N, C-alpha and C. Protein backbone atom coordinates (compact mmCIF):
# COMPACT_ATOMS: atom_id res chain seq x y z
N MET A 1 0.82 -1.32 -0.01
CA MET A 1 0.03 0.08 0.00
C MET A 1 0.99 1.18 0.04
N LYS A 2 1.96 1.14 0.79
CA LYS A 2 2.93 2.18 0.87
C LYS A 2 3.63 2.62 -0.45
N GLU A 3 4.00 1.47 -1.05
CA GLU A 3 4.67 1.59 -2.38
C GLU A 3 3.69 2.18 -3.38
N ARG A 4 2.46 1.84 -3.23
CA ARG A 4 1.46 2.32 -4.46
C ARG A 4 1.30 3.89 -4.21
N ARG A 5 1.12 4.14 -2.89
CA ARG A 5 0.97 5.65 -2.71
C ARG A 5 2.19 6.54 -3.04
N PHE A 6 3.26 5.77 -2.92
CA PHE A 6 4.59 6.60 -3.29
C PHE A 6 4.57 6.56 -4.86
N ASP A 7 4.23 5.54 -5.76
CA ASP A 7 4.26 5.56 -6.97
C ASP A 7 3.05 6.77 -7.59
N GLU A 8 1.91 6.78 -6.84
CA GLU A 8 1.09 7.88 -7.13
C GLU A 8 1.58 9.24 -6.89
N GLU A 9 2.23 9.37 -5.82
CA GLU A 9 2.76 10.83 -5.61
C GLU A 9 4.00 11.08 -6.57
N LEU A 10 4.69 10.15 -6.91
CA LEU A 10 5.78 10.33 -7.96
C LEU A 10 5.04 10.74 -9.20
N ASP A 11 4.07 10.02 -9.55
CA ASP A 11 3.45 10.38 -10.96
C ASP A 11 2.75 11.78 -10.90
N SER A 12 2.30 12.03 -9.63
CA SER A 12 1.73 13.51 -9.43
C SER A 12 2.74 14.36 -9.69
N MET A 13 3.86 14.32 -9.27
CA MET A 13 5.05 15.24 -9.20
C MET A 13 5.46 15.32 -10.84
N ASN A 14 5.49 14.20 -11.31
CA ASN A 14 5.83 14.32 -12.84
C ASN A 14 4.82 15.21 -13.61
N LYS A 15 3.50 15.00 -13.19
CA LYS A 15 2.49 15.67 -14.11
C LYS A 15 2.64 17.35 -13.85
N GLU A 16 2.82 17.62 -12.58
CA GLU A 16 3.22 18.99 -12.20
C GLU A 16 4.09 19.59 -12.87
N LEU A 17 5.33 18.81 -12.99
CA LEU A 17 6.39 19.32 -13.84
C LEU A 17 6.22 19.44 -15.27
N LEU A 18 5.44 18.70 -15.91
CA LEU A 18 4.97 18.83 -17.11
C LEU A 18 4.10 20.12 -17.30
N LYS A 19 3.20 20.17 -16.45
CA LYS A 19 2.38 21.52 -16.52
C LYS A 19 3.36 22.80 -16.03
N MET A 20 4.32 22.69 -15.39
CA MET A 20 5.22 23.92 -15.19
C MET A 20 5.87 24.06 -16.59
N ALA A 21 6.36 23.10 -17.07
CA ALA A 21 7.04 23.08 -18.38
C ALA A 21 6.24 23.78 -19.52
N ALA A 22 4.92 23.35 -19.51
CA ALA A 22 3.96 23.95 -20.69
C ALA A 22 3.80 25.31 -20.30
N MET A 23 3.55 25.90 -19.07
CA MET A 23 3.57 27.19 -18.72
C MET A 23 4.69 28.09 -19.14
N VAL A 24 5.88 27.41 -18.92
CA VAL A 24 7.23 28.28 -19.21
C VAL A 24 7.39 28.42 -20.63
N GLU A 25 7.00 27.16 -21.44
CA GLU A 25 7.26 27.38 -23.00
C GLU A 25 6.16 28.42 -23.42
N SER A 26 5.08 28.55 -22.87
CA SER A 26 3.95 29.46 -23.24
C SER A 26 4.54 30.87 -22.91
N SER A 27 5.20 30.98 -22.03
CA SER A 27 5.60 32.33 -21.41
C SER A 27 6.83 32.92 -22.38
N ILE A 28 7.72 31.94 -22.80
CA ILE A 28 8.53 32.15 -23.76
C ILE A 28 8.17 32.62 -25.13
N HIS A 29 7.11 31.78 -25.44
CA HIS A 29 6.41 32.19 -26.70
C HIS A 29 5.87 33.46 -26.84
N LYS A 30 5.08 33.79 -25.69
CA LYS A 30 4.53 35.17 -25.73
C LYS A 30 5.38 36.29 -25.71
N SER A 31 6.36 36.26 -24.98
CA SER A 31 7.42 37.12 -24.90
C SER A 31 8.23 37.57 -26.15
N THR A 32 8.48 36.42 -26.84
CA THR A 32 9.25 36.50 -28.11
C THR A 32 8.19 37.11 -29.12
N GLU A 33 7.06 36.68 -29.32
CA GLU A 33 5.84 37.02 -30.05
C GLU A 33 5.68 38.46 -29.89
N ALA A 34 5.54 38.89 -28.64
CA ALA A 34 5.33 40.22 -28.39
C ALA A 34 6.62 41.24 -28.88
N LEU A 35 7.77 40.69 -28.95
CA LEU A 35 8.82 41.46 -29.58
C LEU A 35 8.64 41.49 -31.02
N LYS A 36 8.42 40.50 -31.63
CA LYS A 36 8.04 40.62 -33.05
C LYS A 36 6.83 41.22 -33.38
N ARG A 37 5.85 41.48 -32.76
CA ARG A 37 4.69 42.33 -33.10
C ARG A 37 4.89 43.77 -32.51
N GLN A 38 5.76 43.88 -31.51
CA GLN A 38 5.75 45.09 -30.74
C GLN A 38 4.61 45.31 -30.05
N ASP A 39 4.05 44.30 -29.26
CA ASP A 39 2.83 44.18 -28.58
C ASP A 39 3.03 44.43 -27.10
N SER A 40 2.79 45.61 -26.60
CA SER A 40 3.00 45.79 -25.16
C SER A 40 1.87 45.03 -24.37
N GLY A 41 0.65 44.92 -24.80
CA GLY A 41 -0.33 44.08 -24.25
C GLY A 41 0.13 42.80 -23.78
N LEU A 42 0.51 41.99 -24.91
CA LEU A 42 0.93 40.62 -24.84
C LEU A 42 2.16 40.47 -23.95
N ALA A 43 3.16 41.43 -23.99
CA ALA A 43 4.38 41.47 -22.92
C ALA A 43 3.70 41.57 -21.55
N GLN A 44 2.88 42.44 -21.35
CA GLN A 44 2.21 42.52 -19.92
C GLN A 44 1.64 41.38 -19.56
N SER A 45 0.88 40.39 -20.42
CA SER A 45 0.44 39.40 -20.03
C SER A 45 1.48 38.33 -19.39
N VAL A 46 2.57 38.31 -19.91
CA VAL A 46 3.84 37.38 -19.55
C VAL A 46 4.04 37.82 -18.10
N ILE A 47 4.33 39.12 -17.90
CA ILE A 47 4.60 39.80 -16.79
C ILE A 47 3.44 39.28 -15.50
N ASP A 48 2.08 39.42 -15.99
CA ASP A 48 1.20 39.02 -15.09
C ASP A 48 1.00 37.72 -14.68
N GLU A 49 1.35 36.86 -15.68
CA GLU A 49 1.26 35.30 -15.42
C GLU A 49 2.47 34.68 -14.89
N ASP A 50 3.36 35.62 -14.45
CA ASP A 50 4.62 34.85 -13.80
C ASP A 50 4.25 34.41 -12.34
N ARG A 51 3.51 35.10 -11.68
CA ARG A 51 3.13 34.84 -10.39
C ARG A 51 2.62 33.43 -10.33
N GLU A 52 1.65 32.87 -11.30
CA GLU A 52 1.30 31.54 -11.21
C GLU A 52 2.41 30.58 -11.61
N ILE A 53 3.26 30.93 -12.22
CA ILE A 53 4.61 29.93 -12.33
C ILE A 53 5.24 29.96 -11.13
N ASP A 54 5.42 31.03 -10.36
CA ASP A 54 6.13 31.00 -9.21
C ASP A 54 5.44 30.08 -8.02
N GLU A 55 4.06 30.04 -8.23
CA GLU A 55 3.33 29.36 -7.08
C GLU A 55 3.58 27.77 -7.56
N GLU A 56 3.59 27.49 -8.96
CA GLU A 56 3.65 26.18 -9.41
C GLU A 56 5.06 25.64 -9.00
N GLU A 57 5.91 26.37 -9.01
CA GLU A 57 7.47 26.09 -8.73
C GLU A 57 7.25 25.65 -7.20
N LEU A 58 6.89 26.55 -6.19
CA LEU A 58 6.81 26.15 -4.85
C LEU A 58 5.88 24.88 -4.54
N LYS A 59 4.84 24.73 -5.27
CA LYS A 59 4.12 23.43 -5.17
C LYS A 59 5.01 22.24 -5.50
N ILE A 60 5.73 22.27 -6.50
CA ILE A 60 6.38 21.05 -7.02
C ILE A 60 7.53 20.97 -5.87
N GLU A 61 8.26 22.16 -5.46
CA GLU A 61 9.12 21.82 -4.53
C GLU A 61 8.65 21.21 -3.25
N GLU A 62 7.58 21.50 -2.87
CA GLU A 62 6.93 20.98 -1.52
C GLU A 62 6.71 19.55 -1.81
N MET A 63 6.11 19.34 -3.06
CA MET A 63 5.99 17.68 -3.35
C MET A 63 7.17 17.03 -3.32
N ALA A 64 8.30 17.44 -3.74
CA ALA A 64 9.75 16.56 -3.91
C ALA A 64 10.03 16.50 -2.39
N ILE A 65 9.90 17.61 -1.66
CA ILE A 65 10.52 17.48 -0.20
C ILE A 65 9.58 16.46 0.58
N ASP A 66 8.38 16.43 0.45
CA ASP A 66 7.42 15.53 1.21
C ASP A 66 7.95 13.90 0.66
N LEU A 67 8.09 13.79 -0.74
CA LEU A 67 8.57 12.58 -1.17
C LEU A 67 9.92 11.93 -0.44
N LEU A 68 10.85 12.96 -0.36
CA LEU A 68 12.27 12.66 0.21
C LEU A 68 12.03 12.28 1.59
N ALA A 69 11.32 13.00 2.22
CA ALA A 69 11.06 12.96 3.79
C ALA A 69 10.19 11.86 4.14
N LEU A 70 9.22 11.59 3.50
CA LEU A 70 8.22 10.45 3.78
C LEU A 70 8.43 9.10 3.43
N HIS A 71 9.26 9.00 2.11
CA HIS A 71 9.47 7.52 1.54
C HIS A 71 10.92 7.22 1.48
N GLN A 72 11.84 8.16 1.76
CA GLN A 72 13.27 7.95 1.64
C GLN A 72 13.70 7.13 0.44
N PRO A 73 13.35 7.69 -0.83
CA PRO A 73 13.60 6.65 -1.97
C PRO A 73 14.94 6.32 -2.34
N MET A 74 15.14 5.45 -3.12
CA MET A 74 16.42 5.04 -3.29
C MET A 74 16.88 4.94 -4.86
N ALA A 75 18.08 4.98 -5.37
CA ALA A 75 18.45 4.78 -6.60
C ALA A 75 17.77 5.73 -7.62
N GLY A 76 17.02 5.14 -8.56
CA GLY A 76 16.38 5.79 -9.65
C GLY A 76 15.30 6.65 -9.25
N ASP A 77 14.72 6.36 -8.29
CA ASP A 77 13.38 7.13 -7.82
C ASP A 77 14.08 8.44 -7.06
N LEU A 78 15.21 8.17 -6.48
CA LEU A 78 15.79 9.48 -5.86
C LEU A 78 16.51 10.28 -6.88
N ARG A 79 17.03 9.72 -7.79
CA ARG A 79 17.57 10.64 -9.06
C ARG A 79 16.46 11.35 -9.61
N PHE A 80 15.36 10.67 -9.88
CA PHE A 80 14.12 11.48 -10.37
C PHE A 80 13.86 12.65 -9.59
N ILE A 81 13.61 12.51 -8.21
CA ILE A 81 13.06 13.46 -7.49
C ILE A 81 14.14 14.65 -7.55
N THR A 82 15.31 14.17 -7.12
CA THR A 82 16.31 15.49 -6.88
C THR A 82 16.50 16.15 -8.33
N THR A 83 16.65 15.52 -9.30
CA THR A 83 16.64 16.13 -10.71
C THR A 83 15.32 16.78 -11.14
N GLY A 84 14.17 16.51 -10.79
CA GLY A 84 12.92 17.06 -10.73
C GLY A 84 13.05 18.46 -10.08
N MET A 85 13.63 18.34 -8.91
CA MET A 85 13.73 19.66 -8.20
C MET A 85 14.58 20.68 -8.78
N LYS A 86 15.70 20.19 -9.46
CA LYS A 86 16.64 21.01 -10.11
C LYS A 86 15.96 21.47 -11.40
N ILE A 87 15.29 20.75 -12.27
CA ILE A 87 14.62 21.07 -13.42
C ILE A 87 13.62 22.17 -13.19
N ASN A 88 12.87 22.01 -11.97
CA ASN A 88 11.88 22.91 -11.55
C ASN A 88 12.45 24.43 -11.48
N ALA A 89 13.55 24.38 -10.65
CA ALA A 89 14.19 25.67 -10.46
C ALA A 89 14.73 26.35 -11.85
N GLU A 90 15.36 25.51 -12.59
CA GLU A 90 15.77 25.93 -14.06
C GLU A 90 14.59 26.53 -14.72
N LEU A 91 13.36 25.79 -14.72
CA LEU A 91 12.11 26.46 -15.46
C LEU A 91 11.82 27.67 -14.92
N GLU A 92 11.69 27.95 -13.58
CA GLU A 92 11.35 29.07 -13.00
C GLU A 92 12.31 30.10 -13.42
N ARG A 93 13.66 29.92 -13.62
CA ARG A 93 14.57 30.85 -13.95
C ARG A 93 14.39 31.43 -15.51
N ILE A 94 13.89 30.33 -16.21
CA ILE A 94 13.63 30.58 -17.69
C ILE A 94 12.38 31.53 -17.78
N ALA A 95 11.39 31.24 -16.93
CA ALA A 95 10.18 32.06 -16.92
C ALA A 95 10.58 33.50 -16.52
N ASP A 96 11.48 33.78 -15.39
CA ASP A 96 11.89 35.13 -15.02
C ASP A 96 12.58 35.83 -16.24
N LEU A 97 13.36 35.02 -17.07
CA LEU A 97 14.13 35.60 -18.29
C LEU A 97 13.07 36.19 -19.25
N ALA A 98 11.97 35.28 -19.43
CA ALA A 98 10.78 35.68 -20.29
C ALA A 98 10.31 36.79 -19.93
N VAL A 99 10.04 37.04 -18.66
CA VAL A 99 9.41 38.34 -17.99
C VAL A 99 10.59 39.43 -18.37
N ASN A 100 11.59 39.27 -18.23
CA ASN A 100 12.63 40.31 -18.56
C ASN A 100 12.61 40.58 -19.96
N ILE A 101 12.28 39.73 -20.85
CA ILE A 101 12.22 40.19 -22.24
C ILE A 101 10.88 41.02 -22.54
N ALA A 102 9.91 40.45 -21.92
CA ALA A 102 8.65 41.17 -21.96
C ALA A 102 8.78 42.71 -21.35
N GLN A 103 9.64 42.89 -20.61
CA GLN A 103 9.83 44.19 -19.68
C GLN A 103 10.56 45.15 -20.85
N MET A 104 11.60 44.46 -21.57
CA MET A 104 12.28 45.30 -22.56
C MET A 104 11.35 45.52 -23.86
N VAL A 105 10.54 44.61 -23.97
CA VAL A 105 9.47 44.93 -25.04
C VAL A 105 8.70 46.25 -24.77
N LYS A 106 8.45 46.19 -23.55
CA LYS A 106 7.37 47.46 -23.05
C LYS A 106 8.28 48.61 -23.37
N GLU A 107 9.46 48.45 -22.92
CA GLU A 107 10.37 49.66 -23.15
C GLU A 107 10.71 50.12 -24.66
N LEU A 108 10.56 49.17 -25.39
CA LEU A 108 10.73 49.36 -26.74
C LEU A 108 9.45 49.80 -27.28
N ALA A 109 8.25 49.56 -26.81
CA ALA A 109 6.97 49.68 -27.48
C ALA A 109 6.65 51.32 -27.74
N GLY A 110 6.27 51.52 -29.04
CA GLY A 110 5.95 52.78 -29.34
C GLY A 110 7.29 53.58 -30.10
N ARG A 111 8.39 53.03 -30.12
CA ARG A 111 9.56 53.56 -30.77
C ARG A 111 9.82 52.79 -32.07
N PRO A 112 10.35 53.40 -33.05
CA PRO A 112 10.75 52.49 -34.40
C PRO A 112 11.92 51.72 -33.89
N LEU A 113 11.99 50.45 -34.37
CA LEU A 113 13.05 49.53 -34.05
C LEU A 113 14.23 50.20 -34.67
N LEU A 114 15.39 49.97 -34.26
CA LEU A 114 16.66 50.55 -34.69
C LEU A 114 17.27 49.93 -35.79
N LYS A 115 16.54 48.76 -35.95
CA LYS A 115 17.00 48.10 -37.30
C LYS A 115 16.07 46.77 -37.34
N PRO A 116 16.05 46.27 -38.61
CA PRO A 116 15.21 45.04 -38.80
C PRO A 116 15.87 43.93 -38.04
N LEU A 117 14.94 43.23 -37.34
CA LEU A 117 15.37 41.99 -36.52
C LEU A 117 15.89 40.89 -37.28
N ILE A 118 17.02 40.39 -37.25
CA ILE A 118 17.66 39.37 -38.17
C ILE A 118 18.08 38.24 -37.15
N ASP A 119 19.25 38.47 -36.39
CA ASP A 119 19.91 37.51 -35.56
C ASP A 119 19.04 37.34 -34.30
N ILE A 120 18.19 38.23 -33.78
CA ILE A 120 17.44 37.82 -32.65
C ILE A 120 16.34 36.82 -32.90
N PRO A 121 15.64 37.04 -34.03
CA PRO A 121 14.71 35.78 -34.31
C PRO A 121 15.35 34.63 -34.46
N LYS A 122 16.65 34.60 -34.97
CA LYS A 122 17.36 33.25 -35.22
C LYS A 122 17.65 32.60 -33.93
N LEU A 123 18.18 33.51 -33.01
CA LEU A 123 18.41 33.15 -31.56
C LEU A 123 17.31 32.72 -30.90
N THR A 124 16.03 33.41 -30.98
CA THR A 124 14.95 32.89 -30.44
C THR A 124 14.48 31.64 -30.97
N LYS A 125 14.68 31.31 -32.11
CA LYS A 125 14.27 29.96 -32.82
C LYS A 125 15.18 28.83 -32.15
N VAL A 126 16.44 29.14 -32.08
CA VAL A 126 17.39 28.15 -31.42
C VAL A 126 16.98 27.99 -29.91
N THR A 127 16.79 29.02 -29.33
CA THR A 127 16.52 28.95 -27.81
C THR A 127 15.17 27.95 -27.54
N GLN A 128 14.21 28.39 -28.23
CA GLN A 128 12.83 27.71 -28.15
C GLN A 128 12.89 26.44 -28.49
N ARG A 129 13.75 25.95 -29.46
CA ARG A 129 13.79 24.58 -29.69
C ARG A 129 14.61 23.89 -28.65
N MET A 130 15.63 24.56 -28.15
CA MET A 130 16.36 23.97 -27.10
C MET A 130 15.60 23.53 -25.82
N VAL A 131 14.86 24.49 -25.50
CA VAL A 131 13.92 24.38 -24.31
C VAL A 131 12.83 23.37 -24.60
N LYS A 132 12.25 23.17 -25.70
CA LYS A 132 11.41 22.22 -26.10
C LYS A 132 11.99 20.82 -26.03
N ASP A 133 13.33 20.77 -26.75
CA ASP A 133 13.94 19.43 -26.68
C ASP A 133 14.40 18.95 -25.32
N ALA A 134 14.67 20.05 -24.37
CA ALA A 134 15.15 19.50 -23.12
C ALA A 134 14.05 18.96 -22.32
N ILE A 135 12.90 19.66 -22.45
CA ILE A 135 11.58 19.17 -21.86
C ILE A 135 11.31 17.74 -22.29
N ASP A 136 11.29 17.61 -23.66
CA ASP A 136 11.05 16.23 -24.34
C ASP A 136 12.00 15.21 -23.85
N ALA A 137 13.15 15.53 -23.72
CA ALA A 137 14.28 14.56 -23.28
C ALA A 137 13.95 14.07 -21.85
N PHE A 138 13.37 15.18 -20.88
CA PHE A 138 13.04 14.74 -19.77
C PHE A 138 11.86 13.86 -19.76
N VAL A 139 10.74 14.28 -20.46
CA VAL A 139 9.39 13.38 -20.57
C VAL A 139 9.73 11.83 -21.05
N ASN A 140 10.77 11.71 -21.80
CA ASN A 140 10.95 10.55 -22.57
C ASN A 140 12.23 9.82 -22.04
N ARG A 141 13.02 10.41 -21.07
CA ARG A 141 14.15 10.02 -20.57
C ARG A 141 15.06 9.62 -21.77
N ASP A 142 15.17 10.53 -22.41
CA ASP A 142 15.95 10.58 -23.90
C ASP A 142 17.26 11.24 -23.83
N GLN A 143 18.41 10.55 -23.50
CA GLN A 143 19.69 11.09 -23.36
C GLN A 143 20.22 11.58 -24.78
N ASP A 144 19.86 10.93 -25.77
CA ASP A 144 20.28 11.41 -27.15
C ASP A 144 19.74 12.85 -27.52
N THR A 145 18.37 12.93 -27.44
CA THR A 145 17.90 14.28 -27.50
C THR A 145 18.44 15.38 -26.32
N ALA A 146 18.83 14.90 -25.20
CA ALA A 146 19.50 15.79 -24.20
C ALA A 146 20.81 16.17 -24.60
N LYS A 147 21.55 15.15 -25.38
CA LYS A 147 22.91 15.65 -25.75
C LYS A 147 22.89 16.57 -26.98
N GLN A 148 21.83 16.47 -27.75
CA GLN A 148 21.74 17.52 -28.81
C GLN A 148 21.54 18.82 -28.50
N VAL A 149 20.63 18.92 -27.33
CA VAL A 149 20.47 20.28 -26.75
C VAL A 149 21.86 20.89 -26.12
N ILE A 150 22.67 20.11 -25.50
CA ILE A 150 23.96 20.33 -24.97
C ILE A 150 24.94 21.01 -26.19
N LEU A 151 24.89 20.33 -27.26
CA LEU A 151 25.70 20.54 -28.36
C LEU A 151 25.24 21.76 -28.92
N SER A 152 23.83 22.32 -28.78
CA SER A 152 23.35 23.34 -29.61
C SER A 152 23.73 24.63 -29.06
N ASP A 153 24.32 24.62 -27.61
CA ASP A 153 24.54 25.85 -26.82
C ASP A 153 25.75 26.81 -27.55
N PRO A 154 26.52 26.19 -28.13
CA PRO A 154 27.41 27.26 -28.79
C PRO A 154 26.77 27.92 -29.95
N GLN A 155 25.83 27.39 -30.56
CA GLN A 155 25.16 28.20 -31.60
C GLN A 155 24.47 29.36 -31.01
N ALA A 156 23.91 29.20 -29.70
CA ALA A 156 23.14 30.36 -29.13
C ALA A 156 24.19 31.37 -28.70
N ASP A 157 25.31 30.92 -28.25
CA ASP A 157 26.36 31.94 -27.84
C ASP A 157 26.79 32.59 -29.17
N GLU A 158 27.03 31.90 -30.14
CA GLU A 158 27.42 32.70 -31.42
C GLU A 158 26.37 33.58 -31.73
N LEU A 159 25.07 33.39 -31.92
CA LEU A 159 24.07 34.40 -32.30
C LEU A 159 24.12 35.49 -31.36
N ARG A 160 24.29 35.29 -30.08
CA ARG A 160 24.12 36.31 -29.13
C ARG A 160 25.38 37.30 -29.37
N ASN A 161 26.56 36.62 -29.72
CA ASN A 161 27.80 37.51 -29.97
C ASN A 161 27.59 38.37 -31.26
N LEU A 162 26.89 37.89 -32.27
CA LEU A 162 26.61 38.50 -33.53
C LEU A 162 25.66 39.79 -33.20
N VAL A 163 24.71 39.62 -32.24
CA VAL A 163 23.80 40.76 -32.08
C VAL A 163 24.73 41.72 -31.38
N TYR A 164 25.39 41.41 -30.27
CA TYR A 164 26.27 42.28 -29.69
C TYR A 164 27.28 43.17 -30.52
N GLU A 165 27.87 42.35 -31.48
CA GLU A 165 28.91 43.02 -32.15
C GLU A 165 28.17 44.06 -33.18
N GLU A 166 27.07 43.70 -33.79
CA GLU A 166 26.48 44.54 -34.78
C GLU A 166 25.96 45.83 -33.84
N LEU A 167 25.23 45.65 -32.92
CA LEU A 167 24.59 46.83 -32.09
C LEU A 167 25.71 47.69 -31.55
N VAL A 168 26.65 47.31 -31.03
CA VAL A 168 27.81 47.97 -30.35
C VAL A 168 28.42 48.61 -31.39
N ASN A 169 29.03 47.89 -32.54
CA ASN A 169 30.14 48.34 -33.38
C ASN A 169 29.40 49.42 -34.50
N ASP A 170 28.16 48.75 -34.89
CA ASP A 170 27.50 49.56 -35.83
C ASP A 170 26.64 50.74 -35.49
N TYR A 171 26.30 50.77 -34.30
CA TYR A 171 25.37 51.84 -33.92
C TYR A 171 25.66 52.46 -32.62
N ILE A 172 25.82 51.90 -31.49
CA ILE A 172 26.28 52.62 -30.23
C ILE A 172 27.49 53.47 -30.38
N ILE A 173 28.59 52.66 -30.81
CA ILE A 173 29.98 53.47 -30.87
C ILE A 173 29.79 54.53 -32.08
N LYS A 174 29.18 54.27 -33.01
CA LYS A 174 29.23 55.29 -34.24
C LYS A 174 28.13 56.29 -33.95
N ASP A 175 27.20 56.15 -33.14
CA ASP A 175 26.02 57.18 -32.73
C ASP A 175 25.64 56.90 -31.28
N GLY A 176 26.02 57.44 -30.32
CA GLY A 176 25.65 57.31 -28.91
C GLY A 176 24.17 57.53 -28.82
N THR A 177 23.58 58.36 -29.68
CA THR A 177 22.08 58.58 -29.46
C THR A 177 21.21 57.24 -29.57
N THR A 178 21.77 56.25 -30.35
CA THR A 178 21.09 54.92 -30.55
C THR A 178 20.91 54.05 -29.19
N ALA A 179 21.71 54.51 -28.37
CA ALA A 179 21.79 53.62 -27.27
C ALA A 179 20.57 53.19 -26.52
N PRO A 180 19.52 54.15 -26.32
CA PRO A 180 18.43 53.82 -25.70
C PRO A 180 17.51 52.86 -26.43
N ARG A 181 17.67 52.70 -27.69
CA ARG A 181 16.97 51.84 -28.62
C ARG A 181 17.75 50.41 -28.88
N ALA A 182 19.05 50.50 -28.72
CA ALA A 182 19.93 49.45 -28.79
C ALA A 182 20.12 48.54 -27.62
N ILE A 183 20.23 49.28 -26.35
CA ILE A 183 20.66 48.44 -25.23
C ILE A 183 19.39 47.57 -24.82
N PRO A 184 18.02 47.72 -25.00
CA PRO A 184 17.08 46.77 -24.71
C PRO A 184 17.27 45.54 -25.73
N LEU A 185 17.67 45.72 -26.96
CA LEU A 185 17.95 44.55 -27.85
C LEU A 185 19.03 43.76 -27.26
N LEU A 186 20.23 44.41 -26.88
CA LEU A 186 21.37 43.58 -26.30
C LEU A 186 20.88 42.82 -25.20
N LEU A 187 20.11 43.55 -24.31
CA LEU A 187 19.48 42.75 -23.17
C LEU A 187 18.74 41.61 -23.43
N ILE A 188 17.78 41.68 -24.56
CA ILE A 188 16.82 40.59 -24.97
C ILE A 188 17.95 39.63 -25.56
N ALA A 189 18.82 39.88 -26.31
CA ALA A 189 19.76 38.69 -26.69
C ALA A 189 20.40 38.04 -25.55
N ARG A 190 20.79 38.82 -24.58
CA ARG A 190 21.38 38.18 -23.53
C ARG A 190 20.43 37.19 -22.53
N HIS A 191 19.26 37.64 -22.57
CA HIS A 191 18.16 36.79 -21.87
C HIS A 191 17.93 35.62 -22.67
N LEU A 192 18.00 35.72 -23.94
CA LEU A 192 17.70 34.60 -24.79
C LEU A 192 18.69 33.44 -24.67
N GLU A 193 20.02 33.91 -24.56
CA GLU A 193 21.11 33.09 -24.51
C GLU A 193 21.07 32.38 -22.98
N ARG A 194 20.72 33.14 -22.12
CA ARG A 194 20.67 32.55 -20.78
C ARG A 194 19.62 31.58 -20.69
N ILE A 195 18.50 31.81 -21.44
CA ILE A 195 17.58 30.82 -21.49
C ILE A 195 18.00 29.49 -21.94
N ALA A 196 19.02 29.51 -23.12
CA ALA A 196 19.54 28.54 -23.89
C ALA A 196 20.40 27.73 -22.70
N ASP A 197 21.27 28.63 -21.79
CA ASP A 197 22.09 28.08 -20.77
C ASP A 197 21.29 27.11 -19.85
N HIS A 198 19.99 27.74 -19.44
CA HIS A 198 19.16 26.89 -18.46
C HIS A 198 18.58 25.57 -19.29
N ALA A 199 18.36 25.56 -20.40
CA ALA A 199 17.91 24.45 -21.13
C ALA A 199 19.21 23.45 -21.29
N THR A 200 20.19 23.84 -21.40
CA THR A 200 21.42 23.07 -21.35
C THR A 200 21.71 22.31 -19.85
N ASN A 201 21.28 23.19 -18.86
CA ASN A 201 21.42 22.55 -17.61
C ASN A 201 20.33 21.50 -17.34
N ILE A 202 19.06 21.75 -17.96
CA ILE A 202 18.20 20.59 -17.94
C ILE A 202 18.49 19.43 -18.64
N ALA A 203 19.16 19.54 -19.83
CA ALA A 203 19.62 18.45 -20.54
C ALA A 203 20.63 17.64 -19.75
N GLU A 204 21.57 18.30 -19.34
CA GLU A 204 22.61 17.76 -18.40
C GLU A 204 22.02 16.98 -17.21
N ASP A 205 20.86 17.43 -16.70
CA ASP A 205 20.30 16.83 -15.46
C ASP A 205 19.72 15.58 -15.96
N VAL A 206 18.99 15.69 -17.12
CA VAL A 206 18.35 14.46 -17.66
C VAL A 206 19.27 13.34 -17.98
N ILE A 207 20.50 13.63 -18.38
CA ILE A 207 21.62 12.65 -18.61
C ILE A 207 21.97 12.00 -17.18
N TYR A 208 22.15 12.89 -16.23
CA TYR A 208 22.37 12.26 -14.85
C TYR A 208 21.18 11.42 -14.39
N MET A 209 20.06 11.94 -14.61
CA MET A 209 18.90 11.10 -14.16
C MET A 209 18.84 9.58 -14.82
N VAL A 210 19.08 9.66 -16.03
CA VAL A 210 19.00 8.42 -16.86
C VAL A 210 20.09 7.60 -16.63
N GLN A 211 21.44 8.04 -16.54
CA GLN A 211 22.65 7.28 -16.44
C GLN A 211 23.43 7.44 -15.11
N ALA A 212 23.13 8.22 -14.31
CA ALA A 212 23.73 8.54 -13.16
C ALA A 212 25.02 9.07 -13.43
N LYS A 213 25.34 9.82 -14.74
CA LYS A 213 26.48 10.18 -14.99
C LYS A 213 26.49 11.86 -15.21
N VAL A 214 27.57 12.49 -14.57
CA VAL A 214 27.60 13.73 -14.55
C VAL A 214 28.40 14.23 -15.60
N VAL A 215 27.69 15.06 -16.61
CA VAL A 215 28.40 15.62 -17.80
C VAL A 215 28.48 17.09 -17.42
N LYS A 216 28.04 17.74 -16.52
CA LYS A 216 28.09 19.13 -16.35
C LYS A 216 29.47 19.48 -16.32
N HIS A 217 29.83 20.66 -16.99
CA HIS A 217 31.24 21.16 -17.12
C HIS A 217 32.22 20.06 -17.79
N HIS A 218 31.75 18.97 -18.27
CA HIS A 218 32.62 18.01 -18.92
C HIS A 218 31.92 17.63 -20.23
N PRO A 219 31.85 18.43 -21.31
CA PRO A 219 31.27 18.06 -22.57
C PRO A 219 31.97 16.96 -23.30
N GLU A 220 33.57 16.94 -22.97
CA GLU A 220 34.10 15.96 -23.57
C GLU A 220 33.68 14.54 -23.51
N GLN A 221 32.86 14.35 -22.28
CA GLN A 221 32.25 13.04 -22.02
C GLN A 221 31.10 12.77 -23.05
N LEU A 222 30.67 13.66 -23.79
CA LEU A 222 29.65 13.44 -24.90
C LEU A 222 30.52 12.74 -26.10
N ASP A 223 30.08 11.58 -26.45
CA ASP A 223 30.94 11.02 -27.74
C ASP A 223 30.30 11.54 -28.91
N ASN A 224 30.98 10.93 -29.96
CA ASN A 224 30.57 11.53 -31.34
C ASN A 224 29.41 10.41 -32.02
N ASN A 225 29.09 9.58 -31.33
CA ASN A 225 28.03 8.59 -31.76
C ASN A 225 26.85 8.79 -31.13
N GLY A 226 26.57 9.96 -30.48
CA GLY A 226 25.09 10.01 -30.02
C GLY A 226 24.74 9.74 -28.61
N GLY A 227 26.09 9.01 -27.99
CA GLY A 227 25.92 8.50 -26.64
C GLY A 227 26.70 9.50 -25.61
N VAL A 228 26.50 8.85 -24.25
CA VAL A 228 27.49 9.74 -23.43
C VAL A 228 28.30 8.81 -22.69
């Protein structure tokens, strides 16, 4: 009976993590869509909905602590719970970064864009794919998908750097009056790159959960044949 209750509580925590992930993916989508449309109202909805995500994070954390305290799980179940706690925290940080993007969109609202958005949409696409794949890797216990997320992180870094170089060298340095419109775009690129970093952290956590192998800070442990 005790084992059955434990399994039910473990399943409940898994479902709440999936709910949290869906909420966070929605937050990223809305914030980046708000940027594309220059939609201040949509940006505000991201900010308003963040409280619900914060509450969900606390709920999952309490569920995990109860599972650890009441059932003292071992081996794979213990890795799932501790990894779930870490992923929960990573998702909440991603949601905070989506809020930061939304705040920058509101700051830009009503002003003409400094330049057509080219590299930021590319970075957005990479970042959204990384988050989705990291979550899918967790759901499916898929270490190969997790590996691909980790290997995508340099692409996000490169796109962020391209945004920085263009905005700083071609605009701010040449004409300081462009700074108020350039800096929010710089910050948006930074927030998107940080979201990619958190997706990478989730992917590393998935590999640990599946294989009990730590690859954080050790990318050389990812082999060239899709394994770890």
